[in-house]
C-alpha atoms as a PDB file:
ATOM      1  CA  MET A   1       0.160   0.070   0.414  1.00  0.00           C
ATOM      2  CA  ARG A   2       2.814   2.511   1.579  1.00  0.00           C
ATOM      3  CA  LYS A   3       4.360   2.387  -2.924  1.00  0.00           C
ATOM      4  CA  PHE A   4       0.674   2.594  -4.909  1.00  0.00           C
ATOM      5  CA  LEU A   5       0.470   5.536  -1.761  1.00  0.00           C
ATOM      6  CA  SER A   6       3.920   6.975  -3.216  1.00  0.00           C
ATOM      7  CA  PHE A   7       3.620   6.473  -6.209  1.00  0.00           C
ATOM      8  CA  LEU A   8       0.554   8.578  -6.035  1.00  0.00           C
ATOM      9  CA  LEU A   9       2.150  11.905  -4.776  1.00  0.00           C
ATOM     10  CA  ILE A  10       4.740  11.433  -7.513  1.00  0.00           C
ATOM     11  CA  MET A  11       2.622  11.145 -10.070  1.00  0.00           C
ATOM     12  CA  SER A  12       0.438  14.364  -8.826  1.00  0.00           C
ATOM     13  CA  ALA A  13       3.587  16.457  -8.118  1.00  0.00           C
ATOM     14  CA  SER A  14       4.786  16.122 -12.023  1.00  0.00           C
ATOM     15  CA  SER A  15       1.139  16.784 -13.305  1.00  0.00           C
ATOM     16  CA  SER A  16       2.034  20.742 -11.525  1.00  0.00           C
ATOM     17  CA  SER A  17       4.819  21.004 -14.420  1.00  0.00           C
ATOM     18  CA  PHE A  18       2.302  20.658 -16.938  1.00  0.00           C
ATOM     19  CA  ALA A  19       0.819  23.927 -16.154  1.00  0.00           C
ATOM     20  CA  HIS A  20       1.724  26.868 -18.626  1.00  0.00           C
ATOM     21  CA  GLU A  21      -1.111  29.610 -20.390  1.00  0.00           C
ATOM     22  CA  GLY A  22      -3.207  29.883 -22.734  1.00  0.00           C
ATOM     23  CA  HIS A  23      -5.367  26.702 -22.089  1.00  0.00           C
ATOM     24  CA  GLY A  24      -8.329  26.524 -21.024  1.00  0.00           C
ATOM     25  CA  HIS A  25     -12.119  28.403 -21.874  1.00  0.00           C
ATOM     26  CA  THR A  26     -11.988  30.080 -18.512  1.00  0.00           C
ATOM     27  CA  GLU A  27     -10.032  33.054 -16.822  1.00  0.00           C
ATOM     28  CA  GLY A  28      -6.537  30.614 -15.495  1.00  0.00           C
ATOM     29  CA  PHE A  29      -6.456  31.822 -11.358  1.00  0.00           C
ATOM     30  CA  THR A  30     -10.251  31.833 -11.108  1.00  0.00           C
ATOM     31  CA  ILE A  31     -11.991  28.283  -8.674  1.00  0.00           C
ATOM     32  CA  THR A  32     -14.130  28.142 -11.582  1.00  0.00           C
ATOM     33  CA  HIS A  33     -11.418  27.110 -14.023  1.00  0.00           C
ATOM     34  CA  TYR A  34      -9.614  24.702 -11.330  1.00  0.00           C
ATOM     35  CA  PHE A  35     -13.192  23.345 -11.739  1.00  0.00           C
ATOM     36  CA  THR A  36     -14.318  23.009 -15.553  1.00  0.00           C
ATOM     37  CA  GLU A  37     -11.367  21.970 -16.900  1.00  0.00           C
ATOM     38  CA  PRO A  38     -10.131  18.524 -17.945  1.00  0.00           C
ATOM     39  CA  GLU A  39      -6.784  19.020 -17.172  1.00  0.00           C
ATOM     40  CA  HIS A  40      -7.911  19.689 -13.531  1.00  0.00           C
ATOM     41  CA  PHE A  41     -10.492  18.421 -13.094  1.00  0.00           C
ATOM     42  CA  ILE A  42      -9.971  14.973 -13.851  1.00  0.00           C
ATOM     43  CA  PRO A  43      -6.632  14.946 -11.630  1.00  0.00           C
ATOM     44  CA  LEU A  44      -8.999  16.054  -8.630  1.00  0.00           C
ATOM     45  CA  ALA A  45     -12.118  13.902  -9.136  1.00  0.00           C
ATOM     46  CA  ALA A  46      -9.921  10.751  -9.462  1.00  0.00           C
ATOM     47  CA  ALA A  47      -8.405  11.854  -5.822  1.00  0.00           C
ATOM     48  CA  ILE A  48     -11.850  12.426  -4.467  1.00  0.00           C
ATOM     49  CA  VAL A  49     -12.512   8.328  -6.033  1.00  0.00           C
ATOM     50  CA  VAL A  50      -9.293   7.568  -4.350  1.00  0.00           C
ATOM     51  CA  ALA A  51      -9.746   9.019  -0.945  1.00  0.00           C
ATOM     52  CA  ILE A  52     -12.892   7.881  -0.751  1.00  0.00           C
ATOM     53  CA  VAL A  53     -11.791   3.858  -1.357  1.00  0.00           C
ATOM     54  CA  MET A  54      -9.022   4.635   0.683  1.00  0.00           C
ATOM     55  CA  VAL A  55     -12.107   5.957   4.132  1.00  0.00           C
ATOM     56  CA  ARG A  56     -13.896   3.111   2.978  1.00  0.00           C
ATOM     57  CA  LYS A  57     -11.094   0.180   2.868  1.00  0.00           C
ATOM     58  CA  TRP A  58      -9.877   1.476   6.188  1.00  0.00           C
ATOM     59  CA  ARG A  59     -12.840   2.317   8.370  1.00  0.00           C
ATOM     60  CA  ARG A  60     -14.244  -1.471   7.152  1.00  0.00           C
ATOM     61  CA  SER A  61     -10.906  -2.723   8.201  1.00  0.00           C
ATOM     62  CA  ALA A  62     -10.832  -1.002  11.589  1.00  0.00           C
ATOM     63  CA  THR A  63     -14.225  -2.389  12.446  1.00  0.00           C
ATOM     64  CA  LYS A  64     -13.065  -6.019  11.657  1.00  0.00           C
ATOM     65  CA  LYS A  65     -10.539  -6.074  14.824  1.00  0.00           C
END
């Protein structure tokens, strides 16, 4: 599990290097930009799904003990 989390951390840290001016259709420095542009929304949605799955797995393992 630690290797997987390390992999996710490394991959998410390297995604910031793709930032550049002129992508998307909204203003680049607003919160709307991060929730409407696929370059930002897809990783955000993936991170939320991973967090939900991890919390559920942690809670299930905690109740079994």
